[in-house]
Amino acid sequence: PPPNYLSAPRNRPEGKVLETVGVFEAPKQHGKYETGQLFLHSVFGYRGIVLFPWQARLYDRDVASPVTEKSENAAGHGSKEVKGKTHTYYQVLIDARDCPHISQRSQTEAVTFLANHDDSRALYAIPGLDYVSHEDILPYSSTDQVPIQHELFERFLMYDQTKVPPFVARDTLCAWQEKNHPWLELSDVHRETTENIRVTVIPFYMGMREAQNSHVYWWRYCIRLENLDSEVVQLRERHWRIFSLSGTLETVRGRGVVGREPVLSKEQPAFQYSSHVSLQASSGHMWGTFRFERPDGSHFDVRIPPFSLESNKDEKTPPSGLHW
């Protein structure tokens, strides 16, 4: 069959037109994608390139476990025992040309870190960086030597026509990964589906700060909401329970998430965002529910799978960001 050419919209005064961006490749059923692999995101549709893979433990509460009885976990509520399985995720760059088109569906500045100075509440963001699951990648190839527009593309990658894919890591990418992996690396991914709404949570430990003679531990967590059904639903409320090893249990309620009440439809089935939490203890748990509204005005609650907040045992220097 003829090659499957990819097209992407390009803004013109008279409207949007399609232009060829590359040739589809067969998605990998086994193994992982290499640094430099071009892809389209299967859910959000942006063009991206793989920087490097991470090996995560996926705790999927939708998969039947051999242990079916309920057990009390540290968070204090009954839950199924879930065994983690290894799953590949990727650190990727998002094409800057696509960021405006996905900003209502997925934050493009969701990767944040603590500043390397005394301001305990200062958070910095790296634009156009994302975490992508293996099944989200639709690989393609391109003859363009700079196929992705991102300020870090040419700092991190260089073109080598003898390689497949023809974009290889520069020393700066390897050094950046090594220096910053304590706050970049994901280790656990949690997933659960309620009434065809799938919630995926990825927590990240960001570091510890001293404030008013006590230690404050910070985490960020990335959440994706996916509507697996054709019925349109809208997120209206969030209800969090945050348990700290210090013995405190906090309840947080509010409208929407990150100031939005996203609609999940067949055309736009997913929404992804990041937020942050701090504890005065080195570990804890979070769980809760999202309340959704159907077109007829009825509501239903979607479970957020419980996840641990764990701190790194060996504290490292916080990242210095992107200054070279």
Protein backbone atom coordinates (compact mmCIF):
# COMPACT_ATOMS: atom_id res chain seq x y z
CA PRO A 1 0.00 0.00 0.00
CA PRO A 2 1.14 3.61 -0.51
CA PRO A 3 2.77 5.31 2.50
CA ASN A 4 0.43 6.87 5.01
CA TYR A 5 1.29 10.57 4.98
CA LEU A 6 0.57 12.64 8.05
CA SER A 7 -0.97 16.06 7.69
CA ALA A 8 -1.21 18.91 10.16
CA PRO A 9 -3.13 22.21 9.99
CA ARG A 10 -1.21 25.37 9.28
CA ASN A 11 -2.70 28.78 9.96
CA ARG A 12 -3.15 31.01 6.96
CA PRO A 13 -5.12 34.27 6.66
CA GLU A 14 -7.78 32.50 4.59
CA GLY A 15 -8.07 29.69 7.12
CA LYS A 16 -6.40 26.43 7.99
CA VAL A 17 -4.78 24.22 5.39
CA LEU A 18 -3.18 20.79 5.65
CA GLU A 19 0.49 20.23 5.07
CA THR A 20 2.49 17.02 5.05
CA VAL A 21 4.63 16.50 8.15
CA GLY A 22 5.87 12.94 7.67
CA VAL A 23 5.14 9.29 7.01
CA PHE A 24 3.42 7.02 9.51
CA GLU A 25 5.35 4.08 10.93
CA ALA A 26 3.91 0.94 12.50
CA PRO A 27 3.47 1.39 16.27
CA LYS A 28 5.72 -0.86 18.34
CA GLN A 29 3.88 -3.73 19.99
CA HIS A 30 7.04 -4.81 21.83
CA GLY A 31 10.12 -2.96 22.97
CA LYS A 32 10.39 0.78 23.43
CA TYR A 33 10.90 3.83 21.26
CA GLU A 34 14.35 5.40 21.13
CA THR A 35 15.54 8.94 21.75
CA GLY A 36 14.71 11.01 18.67
CA GLN A 37 11.51 9.18 17.68
CA LEU A 38 8.96 11.56 16.12
CA PHE A 39 5.33 10.92 16.97
CA LEU A 40 1.77 12.22 17.07
CA HIS A 41 0.03 12.02 20.44
CA SER A 42 -2.88 9.63 19.95
CA VAL A 43 -5.15 11.52 22.41
CA PHE A 44 -4.13 15.19 22.19
CA GLY A 45 -2.89 15.17 18.59
CA TYR A 46 0.26 17.22 19.00
CA ARG A 47 3.56 16.59 17.23
CA GLY A 48 6.37 15.56 19.56
CA ILE A 49 9.74 13.89 19.85
CA VAL A 50 10.99 11.36 22.43
CA LEU A 51 13.82 12.54 24.69
CA PHE A 52 14.18 9.37 26.78
CA PRO A 53 12.11 6.56 28.31
CA TRP A 54 11.19 5.95 31.95
CA GLN A 55 10.24 2.61 33.46
CA ALA A 56 7.21 3.06 35.72
CA ARG A 57 5.15 0.74 37.93
CA LEU A 58 1.56 0.89 36.71
CA TYR A 59 -1.08 0.12 39.35
CA ASP A 60 -4.21 -0.49 37.28
CA ARG A 61 -7.25 -0.97 39.51
CA ASP A 62 -9.32 -2.02 36.47
CA VAL A 63 -7.29 -5.20 36.09
CA ALA A 64 -8.58 -8.08 38.21
CA SER A 65 -6.21 -9.02 41.00
CA PRO A 66 -5.80 -12.55 42.36
CA VAL A 67 -6.56 -11.08 45.80
CA THR A 68 -10.22 -10.09 45.72
CA GLU A 69 -10.97 -9.47 49.37
CA LYS A 70 -10.98 -5.93 50.71
CA SER A 71 -8.03 -4.74 52.72
CA GLU A 72 -7.45 -1.65 54.83
CA ASN A 73 -4.58 0.39 53.47
CA ALA A 74 -2.56 3.16 55.11
CA ALA A 75 -4.97 5.76 53.86
CA GLY A 76 -7.62 4.25 56.09
CA HIS A 77 -10.18 3.08 53.55
CA GLY A 78 -10.95 -0.30 52.04
CA SER A 79 -9.52 -1.04 48.62
CA LYS A 80 -8.54 -3.88 46.33
CA GLU A 81 -4.97 -5.05 46.47
CA VAL A 82 -3.32 -3.97 43.23
CA LYS A 83 -0.05 -5.33 41.92
CA GLY A 84 2.17 -3.02 39.92
CA LYS A 85 3.45 -3.99 36.48
CA THR A 86 6.27 -2.38 34.55
CA HIS A 87 5.15 0.09 31.91
CA THR A 88 7.14 2.44 29.65
CA TYR A 89 6.57 6.19 29.70
CA TYR A 90 8.50 8.81 27.77
CA GLN A 91 9.81 12.30 28.42
CA VAL A 92 8.94 14.25 25.28
CA LEU A 93 9.05 17.70 23.74
CA ILE A 94 5.80 19.20 22.39
CA ASP A 95 5.96 21.15 19.13
CA ALA A 96 5.45 24.82 20.03
CA ARG A 97 3.22 25.29 16.97
CA ASP A 98 0.72 22.84 18.48
CA CYS A 99 0.70 24.21 22.04
CA PRO A 100 -2.04 26.83 21.40
CA HIS A 101 -4.33 24.15 19.97
CA ILE A 102 -4.04 21.77 22.94
CA SER A 103 -3.87 24.28 25.80
CA GLN A 104 -7.59 23.83 26.60
CA ARG A 105 -7.11 20.07 26.85
CA SER A 106 -3.66 19.63 28.35
CA GLN A 107 -1.37 22.00 30.22
CA THR A 108 1.78 22.66 28.23
CA GLU A 109 3.67 24.00 31.27
CA ALA A 110 2.81 21.12 33.60
CA VAL A 111 6.39 20.07 34.41
CA THR A 112 7.42 22.18 37.37
CA PHE A 113 10.27 22.22 39.87
CA LEU A 114 11.28 24.04 43.04
CA ALA A 115 13.69 26.94 42.73
CA ASN A 116 17.21 26.43 43.98
CA HIS A 117 17.08 29.23 46.55
CA ASP A 118 15.42 30.17 49.81
CA ASP A 119 11.96 31.10 48.53
CA SER A 120 10.10 28.02 49.76
CA ARG A 121 7.03 28.61 47.56
CA ALA A 122 8.74 29.44 44.26
CA LEU A 123 7.79 27.07 41.46
CA TYR A 124 9.26 27.17 37.97
CA ALA A 125 7.84 25.53 34.86
CA ILE A 126 9.46 24.12 31.74
CA PRO A 127 7.18 24.79 28.76
CA GLY A 128 6.42 22.10 26.21
CA LEU A 129 7.60 19.10 28.21
CA ASP A 130 5.28 16.13 28.72
CA TYR A 131 5.09 12.53 29.93
CA VAL A 132 3.59 10.12 27.40
CA SER A 133 2.57 6.50 27.81
CA HIS A 134 3.81 3.96 25.25
CA GLU A 135 0.33 3.43 23.82
CA ASP A 136 -0.15 7.19 23.28
CA ILE A 137 2.60 7.29 20.64
CA LEU A 138 1.82 7.18 16.92
CA PRO A 139 5.32 7.11 15.40
CA TYR A 140 6.24 8.79 12.14
CA SER A 141 9.37 9.72 10.21
CA SER A 142 10.30 12.98 8.50
CA THR A 143 13.03 14.20 6.17
CA ASP A 144 12.99 17.60 7.88
CA GLN A 145 16.21 18.17 9.86
CA VAL A 146 14.33 20.34 12.39
CA PRO A 147 10.85 18.78 12.40
CA ILE A 148 9.90 19.97 15.91
CA GLN A 149 9.86 23.61 16.97
CA HIS A 150 10.94 23.84 20.60
CA GLU A 151 13.62 25.96 22.27
CA LEU A 152 15.34 22.81 23.58
CA PHE A 153 15.22 20.77 20.36
CA GLU A 154 18.63 21.78 18.99
CA ARG A 155 20.18 21.97 22.47
CA PHE A 156 19.23 18.36 23.19
CA LEU A 157 19.23 16.65 19.78
CA MET A 158 21.26 16.69 16.58
CA TYR A 159 20.59 15.34 13.11
CA ASP A 160 22.53 12.24 12.00
CA GLN A 161 21.27 10.77 8.74
CA THR A 162 23.11 7.49 9.41
CA LYS A 163 20.94 6.76 12.46
CA VAL A 164 17.36 5.47 12.80
CA PRO A 165 15.69 7.60 14.00
CA PRO A 166 18.05 10.28 12.59
CA PHE A 167 17.99 12.48 15.73
CA VAL A 168 20.48 11.56 18.44
CA ALA A 169 21.05 12.84 21.95
CA ARG A 170 23.65 15.53 22.49
CA ASP A 171 25.82 15.41 25.59
CA THR A 172 23.69 18.26 26.99
CA LEU A 173 20.60 16.00 27.02
CA CYS A 174 22.44 13.20 28.82
CA ALA A 175 23.85 15.66 31.37
CA TRP A 176 20.45 17.30 31.89
CA GLN A 177 18.75 13.93 32.42
CA GLU A 178 21.41 12.81 34.89
CA LYS A 179 21.34 16.06 36.86
CA ASN A 180 17.58 16.50 37.03
CA HIS A 181 16.22 12.95 37.19
CA PRO A 182 15.35 13.19 40.93
CA TRP A 183 12.42 15.51 40.15
CA LEU A 184 11.74 14.42 36.55
CA GLU A 185 11.53 10.67 37.04
CA LEU A 186 8.14 9.10 37.46
CA SER A 187 8.07 5.84 39.40
CA ASP A 188 4.41 5.01 40.03
CA VAL A 189 1.32 5.43 37.84
CA HIS A 190 -2.19 4.79 39.23
CA ARG A 191 -5.28 4.16 37.12
CA GLU A 192 -8.96 3.49 37.85
CA THR A 193 -12.20 3.68 35.84
CA THR A 194 -15.64 4.58 37.23
CA GLU A 195 -18.70 4.69 34.95
CA ASN A 196 -16.49 4.87 31.85
CA ILE A 197 -14.40 7.78 33.18
CA ARG A 198 -10.77 6.71 33.57
CA VAL A 199 -8.54 8.61 35.98
CA THR A 200 -4.75 8.28 35.73
CA VAL A 201 -2.50 9.82 38.39
CA ILE A 202 1.29 10.21 38.30
CA PRO A 203 2.88 11.65 41.47
CA PHE A 204 6.35 13.23 41.53
CA TYR A 205 8.45 14.13 44.53
CA MET A 206 9.84 17.66 44.12
CA GLY A 207 11.97 18.16 47.21
CA MET A 208 12.02 19.51 50.74
CA ARG A 209 12.15 23.08 52.01
CA GLU A 210 12.68 24.51 55.46
CA ALA A 211 9.99 26.94 56.56
CA GLN A 212 9.53 28.43 60.03
CA ASN A 213 11.87 25.92 61.63
CA SER A 214 10.08 22.91 60.11
CA HIS A 215 10.48 20.80 57.01
CA VAL A 216 7.93 21.07 54.18
CA TYR A 217 7.88 18.31 51.55
CA TRP A 218 6.51 19.07 48.07
CA TRP A 219 4.99 16.85 45.40
CA ARG A 220 3.37 17.53 42.06
CA TYR A 221 0.84 15.16 40.56
CA CYS A 222 -0.29 14.87 36.97
CA ILE A 223 -3.88 13.74 36.35
CA ARG A 224 -5.55 12.67 33.13
CA LEU A 225 -9.33 12.28 32.86
CA GLU A 226 -10.60 10.23 29.91
CA ASN A 227 -14.18 9.64 28.81
CA LEU A 228 -14.38 6.12 27.39
CA ASP A 229 -18.07 6.53 26.51
CA SER A 230 -19.90 8.57 23.87
CA GLU A 231 -22.03 10.49 26.41
CA VAL A 232 -20.92 14.08 27.04
CA VAL A 233 -20.05 14.78 30.68
CA GLN A 234 -18.64 17.80 32.53
CA LEU A 235 -16.42 17.86 35.59
CA ARG A 236 -18.00 20.04 38.30
CA GLU A 237 -16.25 19.38 41.62
CA ARG A 238 -13.21 17.78 43.20
CA HIS A 239 -13.05 16.20 46.65
CA TRP A 240 -9.61 15.29 48.00
CA ARG A 241 -8.50 13.51 51.15
CA ILE A 242 -4.86 14.05 52.07
CA PHE A 243 -3.32 11.90 54.79
CA SER A 244 0.07 12.84 56.22
CA LEU A 245 2.41 10.52 58.08
CA SER A 246 2.40 13.16 60.83
CA GLY A 247 -1.16 11.98 61.58
CA THR A 248 -3.21 14.74 59.96
CA LEU A 249 -6.10 14.11 57.56
CA GLU A 250 -7.13 17.05 55.39
CA THR A 251 -10.24 17.37 53.25
CA VAL A 252 -10.22 19.67 50.21
CA ARG A 253 -13.34 20.45 48.19
CA GLY A 254 -13.71 22.84 45.29
CA ARG A 255 -15.21 23.67 41.93
CA GLY A 256 -13.56 22.07 38.93
CA VAL A 257 -9.80 21.62 38.64
CA VAL A 258 -7.13 24.30 37.99
CA GLY A 259 -9.90 26.86 37.50
CA ARG A 260 -11.68 24.85 34.81
CA GLU A 261 -14.71 22.60 34.51
CA PRO A 262 -13.74 20.60 31.41
CA VAL A 263 -16.28 18.92 29.14
CA LEU A 264 -15.35 15.41 28.01
CA SER A 265 -16.97 14.36 24.74
CA LYS A 266 -16.39 11.83 21.99
CA GLU A 267 -14.59 14.53 19.98
CA GLN A 268 -12.54 15.79 22.96
CA PRO A 269 -12.43 12.80 25.31
CA ALA A 270 -9.53 13.74 27.59
CA PHE A 271 -8.26 16.48 29.88
CA GLN A 272 -4.85 16.53 31.57
CA TYR A 273 -3.52 18.84 34.27
CA SER A 274 -0.96 19.11 37.07
CA SER A 275 -1.23 20.39 40.61
CA HIS A 276 0.85 20.43 43.79
CA VAL A 277 0.61 19.38 47.42
CA SER A 278 2.88 19.93 50.42
CA LEU A 279 3.11 18.02 53.72
CA GLN A 280 5.00 18.56 56.92
CA ALA A 281 5.94 14.89 56.85
CA SER A 282 8.15 12.89 54.50
CA SER A 283 5.28 10.74 53.20
CA GLY A 284 1.52 10.44 52.98
CA HIS A 285 -1.42 9.35 50.83
CA MET A 286 -4.02 11.07 48.65
CA TRP A 287 -7.34 9.83 47.27
CA GLY A 288 -10.76 11.24 46.49
CA THR A 289 -13.46 11.74 43.88
CA PHE A 290 -14.37 13.95 40.93
CA ARG A 291 -18.05 14.83 40.55
CA PHE A 292 -19.31 14.82 36.96
CA GLU A 293 -22.57 16.12 35.50
CA ARG A 294 -24.54 14.45 32.69
CA PRO A 295 -26.59 16.36 30.07
CA ASP A 296 -29.81 15.63 31.99
CA GLY A 297 -28.41 17.40 35.08
CA SER A 298 -27.75 14.25 37.12
CA HIS A 299 -24.40 13.78 38.85
CA PHE A 300 -22.07 10.87 39.56
CA ASP A 301 -18.78 10.52 41.43
CA VAL A 302 -15.62 9.14 39.83
CA ARG A 303 -12.99 7.62 42.10
CA ILE A 304 -9.45 8.96 42.16
CA PRO A 305 -7.20 5.95 42.80
CA PRO A 306 -5.30 6.24 46.09
CA PHE A 307 -1.62 6.99 45.65
CA SER A 308 1.38 7.37 47.93
CA LEU A 309 3.41 10.51 48.41
CA GLU A 310 6.94 9.29 49.05
CA SER A 311 10.07 11.39 49.46
CA ASN A 312 13.45 10.48 48.07
CA LYS A 313 15.68 9.10 50.76
CA ASP A 314 18.78 10.75 49.33
CA GLU A 315 18.05 14.46 49.04
CA LYS A 316 19.79 15.99 46.06
CA THR A 317 20.34 19.57 45.03
CA PRO A 318 17.23 21.00 43.35
CA PRO A 319 17.52 21.55 39.61
CA SER A 320 19.06 24.70 38.27
CA GLY A 321 16.53 24.86 35.46
CA LEU A 322 17.63 25.50 31.90
CA HIS A 323 20.63 27.77 32.37
CA TRP A 324 23.75 26.42 30.75
